[in-house]
Amino acid sequence: MEKMFELIDLFVMAQAVKLQGALKAFKEEERGASDMVAVMVLIVIIIALAALFNQKLKGAVESIFAQLTSFVETRGGGQ
């Protein structure tokens, strides 16, 4: 289960690196300060959603494994 969370963290970090690269390219174009602020706000929102999703996913996976463990223990004890 830890490997799955490590993979999720790596995915989030990879997306952050991609966004940083896009931000560098955006800065080089020099379209204006308001566009740069809008991009930064979107990056913050994406990172916040990723963090929120990570916590929700962790809770969901733990709940599923708890139910699965309970099911296996119930079914395994009768054999």
N, C-alpha and C. Protein backbone atom coordinates (compact mmCIF):
# COMPACT_ATOMS: atom_id res chain seq x y z
N MET A 1 0.83 -1.18 0.00
CA MET A 1 0.00 0.00 0.00
C MET A 1 0.88 1.24 0.00
N GLU A 2 2.01 1.17 0.68
CA GLU A 2 2.93 2.31 0.70
C GLU A 2 3.45 2.61 -0.69
N LYS A 3 3.68 1.55 -1.48
CA LYS A 3 4.17 1.74 -2.85
C LYS A 3 3.17 2.55 -3.67
N MET A 4 1.87 2.28 -3.45
CA MET A 4 0.86 3.00 -4.19
C MET A 4 0.90 4.49 -3.83
N PHE A 5 1.06 4.79 -2.54
CA PHE A 5 1.12 6.18 -2.13
C PHE A 5 2.40 6.84 -2.63
N GLU A 6 3.49 6.09 -2.71
CA GLU A 6 4.72 6.63 -3.28
C GLU A 6 4.52 6.94 -4.76
N LEU A 7 3.81 6.07 -5.46
CA LEU A 7 3.54 6.32 -6.87
C LEU A 7 2.67 7.56 -7.06
N ILE A 8 1.69 7.73 -6.18
CA ILE A 8 0.83 8.91 -6.25
C ILE A 8 1.66 10.16 -5.99
N ASP A 9 2.52 10.12 -4.99
CA ASP A 9 3.39 11.26 -4.69
C ASP A 9 4.32 11.57 -5.87
N LEU A 10 4.87 10.53 -6.50
CA LEU A 10 5.73 10.74 -7.66
C LEU A 10 4.94 11.36 -8.81
N PHE A 11 3.70 10.93 -8.99
CA PHE A 11 2.85 11.51 -10.03
C PHE A 11 2.61 12.99 -9.77
N VAL A 12 2.31 13.34 -8.53
CA VAL A 12 2.06 14.74 -8.18
C VAL A 12 3.32 15.57 -8.40
N MET A 13 4.47 15.02 -7.99
CA MET A 13 5.73 15.75 -8.18
C MET A 13 6.04 15.91 -9.67
N ALA A 14 5.77 14.88 -10.46
CA ALA A 14 6.02 14.98 -11.90
C ALA A 14 5.14 16.05 -12.53
N GLN A 15 3.89 16.12 -12.09
CA GLN A 15 2.99 17.15 -12.61
C GLN A 15 3.47 18.54 -12.20
N ALA A 16 3.99 18.67 -10.98
CA ALA A 16 4.51 19.96 -10.53
C ALA A 16 5.72 20.37 -11.37
N VAL A 17 6.58 19.41 -11.70
CA VAL A 17 7.75 19.71 -12.54
C VAL A 17 7.29 20.15 -13.92
N LYS A 18 6.29 19.46 -14.47
CA LYS A 18 5.77 19.85 -15.77
C LYS A 18 5.19 21.27 -15.73
N LEU A 19 4.48 21.58 -14.66
CA LEU A 19 3.91 22.91 -14.52
C LEU A 19 5.00 23.96 -14.38
N GLN A 20 6.08 23.62 -13.68
CA GLN A 20 7.19 24.57 -13.56
C GLN A 20 7.81 24.83 -14.92
N GLY A 21 7.95 23.78 -15.73
CA GLY A 21 8.48 23.95 -17.08
C GLY A 21 7.57 24.82 -17.92
N ALA A 22 6.27 24.62 -17.79
CA ALA A 22 5.31 25.44 -18.52
C ALA A 22 5.36 26.88 -18.05
N LEU A 23 5.56 27.07 -16.75
CA LEU A 23 5.66 28.42 -16.20
C LEU A 23 6.90 29.12 -16.72
N LYS A 24 8.04 28.41 -16.81
CA LYS A 24 9.26 29.00 -17.37
C LYS A 24 9.03 29.45 -18.80
N ALA A 25 8.40 28.58 -19.60
CA ALA A 25 8.12 28.92 -20.99
C ALA A 25 7.18 30.13 -21.05
N PHE A 26 6.24 30.16 -20.13
CA PHE A 26 5.30 31.26 -20.09
C PHE A 26 6.00 32.56 -19.74
N LYS A 27 6.94 32.51 -18.80
CA LYS A 27 7.68 33.71 -18.42
C LYS A 27 8.49 34.25 -19.59
N GLU A 28 9.05 33.34 -20.40
CA GLU A 28 9.87 33.76 -21.52
C GLU A 28 9.04 34.49 -22.58
N GLU A 29 7.78 34.16 -22.68
CA GLU A 29 6.93 34.81 -23.65
C GLU A 29 6.56 36.23 -23.22
N GLU A 30 6.58 36.51 -21.93
CA GLU A 30 6.30 37.83 -21.37
C GLU A 30 4.96 38.39 -21.85
N ARG A 31 3.91 37.69 -21.58
CA ARG A 31 2.58 38.13 -22.00
C ARG A 31 1.96 39.14 -21.03
N GLY A 32 2.46 39.21 -19.84
CA GLY A 32 1.91 40.18 -18.90
C GLY A 32 1.79 39.60 -17.52
N ALA A 33 1.76 40.51 -16.54
CA ALA A 33 1.73 40.09 -15.14
C ALA A 33 0.40 39.43 -14.77
N SER A 34 -0.70 39.89 -15.34
CA SER A 34 -2.00 39.33 -14.97
C SER A 34 -2.12 37.87 -15.44
N ASP A 35 -1.58 37.57 -16.60
CA ASP A 35 -1.60 36.18 -17.07
C ASP A 35 -0.74 35.29 -16.17
N MET A 36 0.39 35.81 -15.73
CA MET A 36 1.29 35.04 -14.86
C MET A 36 0.62 34.78 -13.52
N VAL A 37 -0.08 35.75 -12.99
CA VAL A 37 -0.78 35.58 -11.72
C VAL A 37 -1.89 34.54 -11.89
N ALA A 38 -2.58 34.57 -13.01
CA ALA A 38 -3.64 33.59 -13.26
C ALA A 38 -3.07 32.18 -13.32
N VAL A 39 -1.93 32.01 -13.96
CA VAL A 39 -1.29 30.71 -14.04
C VAL A 39 -0.86 30.24 -12.66
N MET A 40 -0.29 31.13 -11.86
CA MET A 40 0.13 30.76 -10.51
C MET A 40 -1.07 30.36 -9.65
N VAL A 41 -2.18 31.05 -9.78
CA VAL A 41 -3.39 30.69 -9.03
C VAL A 41 -3.87 29.31 -9.45
N LEU A 42 -3.85 29.04 -10.76
CA LEU A 42 -4.24 27.71 -11.23
C LEU A 42 -3.31 26.63 -10.70
N ILE A 43 -2.02 26.90 -10.64
CA ILE A 43 -1.06 25.93 -10.10
C ILE A 43 -1.36 25.65 -8.64
N VAL A 44 -1.63 26.68 -7.87
CA VAL A 44 -1.95 26.50 -6.45
C VAL A 44 -3.22 25.67 -6.30
N ILE A 45 -4.22 25.95 -7.13
CA ILE A 45 -5.47 25.18 -7.06
C ILE A 45 -5.23 23.72 -7.42
N ILE A 46 -4.43 23.47 -8.46
CA ILE A 46 -4.14 22.09 -8.86
C ILE A 46 -3.40 21.35 -7.76
N ILE A 47 -2.42 22.00 -7.14
CA ILE A 47 -1.65 21.36 -6.06
C ILE A 47 -2.56 21.09 -4.86
N ALA A 48 -3.44 22.03 -4.54
CA ALA A 48 -4.37 21.83 -3.42
C ALA A 48 -5.32 20.67 -3.70
N LEU A 49 -5.82 20.59 -4.93
CA LEU A 49 -6.71 19.47 -5.28
C LEU A 49 -5.96 18.14 -5.24
N ALA A 50 -4.71 18.15 -5.68
CA ALA A 50 -3.92 16.92 -5.64
C ALA A 50 -3.71 16.47 -4.19
N ALA A 51 -3.42 17.41 -3.32
CA ALA A 51 -3.23 17.08 -1.90
C ALA A 51 -4.54 16.57 -1.30
N LEU A 52 -5.64 17.21 -1.63
CA LEU A 52 -6.94 16.78 -1.13
C LEU A 52 -7.29 15.40 -1.66
N PHE A 53 -7.04 15.17 -2.93
CA PHE A 53 -7.33 13.87 -3.54
C PHE A 53 -6.47 12.79 -2.89
N ASN A 54 -5.23 13.13 -2.61
CA ASN A 54 -4.32 12.15 -1.98
C ASN A 54 -4.88 11.71 -0.63
N GLN A 55 -5.36 12.62 0.17
CA GLN A 55 -5.91 12.28 1.48
C GLN A 55 -7.20 11.48 1.33
N LYS A 56 -8.06 11.87 0.41
CA LYS A 56 -9.32 11.15 0.20
C LYS A 56 -9.05 9.75 -0.31
N LEU A 57 -8.09 9.62 -1.22
CA LEU A 57 -7.75 8.31 -1.76
C LEU A 57 -7.19 7.41 -0.67
N LYS A 58 -6.34 7.97 0.16
CA LYS A 58 -5.76 7.19 1.26
C LYS A 58 -6.87 6.68 2.19
N GLY A 59 -7.82 7.54 2.52
CA GLY A 59 -8.93 7.13 3.38
C GLY A 59 -9.79 6.06 2.73
N ALA A 60 -10.05 6.23 1.44
CA ALA A 60 -10.88 5.26 0.71
C ALA A 60 -10.19 3.90 0.64
N VAL A 61 -8.89 3.90 0.34
CA VAL A 61 -8.15 2.64 0.24
C VAL A 61 -8.08 1.95 1.59
N GLU A 62 -7.84 2.71 2.64
CA GLU A 62 -7.81 2.11 3.98
C GLU A 62 -9.16 1.51 4.35
N SER A 63 -10.25 2.20 3.99
CA SER A 63 -11.59 1.69 4.27
C SER A 63 -11.86 0.40 3.50
N ILE A 64 -11.47 0.38 2.24
CA ILE A 64 -11.67 -0.81 1.41
C ILE A 64 -10.88 -1.99 1.97
N PHE A 65 -9.62 -1.75 2.35
CA PHE A 65 -8.81 -2.84 2.89
C PHE A 65 -9.33 -3.31 4.24
N ALA A 66 -9.89 -2.42 5.05
CA ALA A 66 -10.47 -2.83 6.33
C ALA A 66 -11.69 -3.73 6.09
N GLN A 67 -12.52 -3.34 5.13
CA GLN A 67 -13.69 -4.17 4.81
C GLN A 67 -13.26 -5.50 4.21
N LEU A 68 -12.26 -5.48 3.37
CA LEU A 68 -11.76 -6.71 2.76
C LEU A 68 -11.18 -7.65 3.81
N THR A 69 -10.42 -7.09 4.74
CA THR A 69 -9.84 -7.90 5.81
C THR A 69 -10.94 -8.52 6.67
N SER A 70 -11.95 -7.72 6.99
CA SER A 70 -13.07 -8.23 7.77
C SER A 70 -13.79 -9.34 7.02
N PHE A 71 -14.00 -9.16 5.73
CA PHE A 71 -14.67 -10.17 4.91
C PHE A 71 -13.86 -11.46 4.87
N VAL A 72 -12.54 -11.34 4.67
CA VAL A 72 -11.69 -12.52 4.58
C VAL A 72 -11.66 -13.26 5.92
N GLU A 73 -11.57 -12.50 7.02
CA GLU A 73 -11.54 -13.13 8.33
C GLU A 73 -12.87 -13.85 8.61
N THR A 74 -13.98 -13.25 8.19
CA THR A 74 -15.29 -13.86 8.40
C THR A 74 -15.44 -15.13 7.58
N ARG A 75 -15.05 -15.07 6.33
CA ARG A 75 -15.18 -16.21 5.42
C ARG A 75 -14.12 -17.28 5.70
N GLY A 76 -12.92 -16.86 6.08
CA GLY A 76 -11.84 -17.80 6.34
C GLY A 76 -12.05 -18.59 7.62
N GLY A 77 -12.73 -18.03 8.61
CA GLY A 77 -12.94 -18.71 9.87
C GLY A 77 -13.91 -19.87 9.77
N GLY A 78 -14.79 -19.87 8.76
CA GLY A 78 -15.78 -20.93 8.62
C GLY A 78 -15.26 -22.15 7.91
N GLN A 79 -14.07 -22.11 7.34
CA GLN A 79 -13.56 -23.25 6.55
C GLN A 79 -12.86 -24.18 7.43
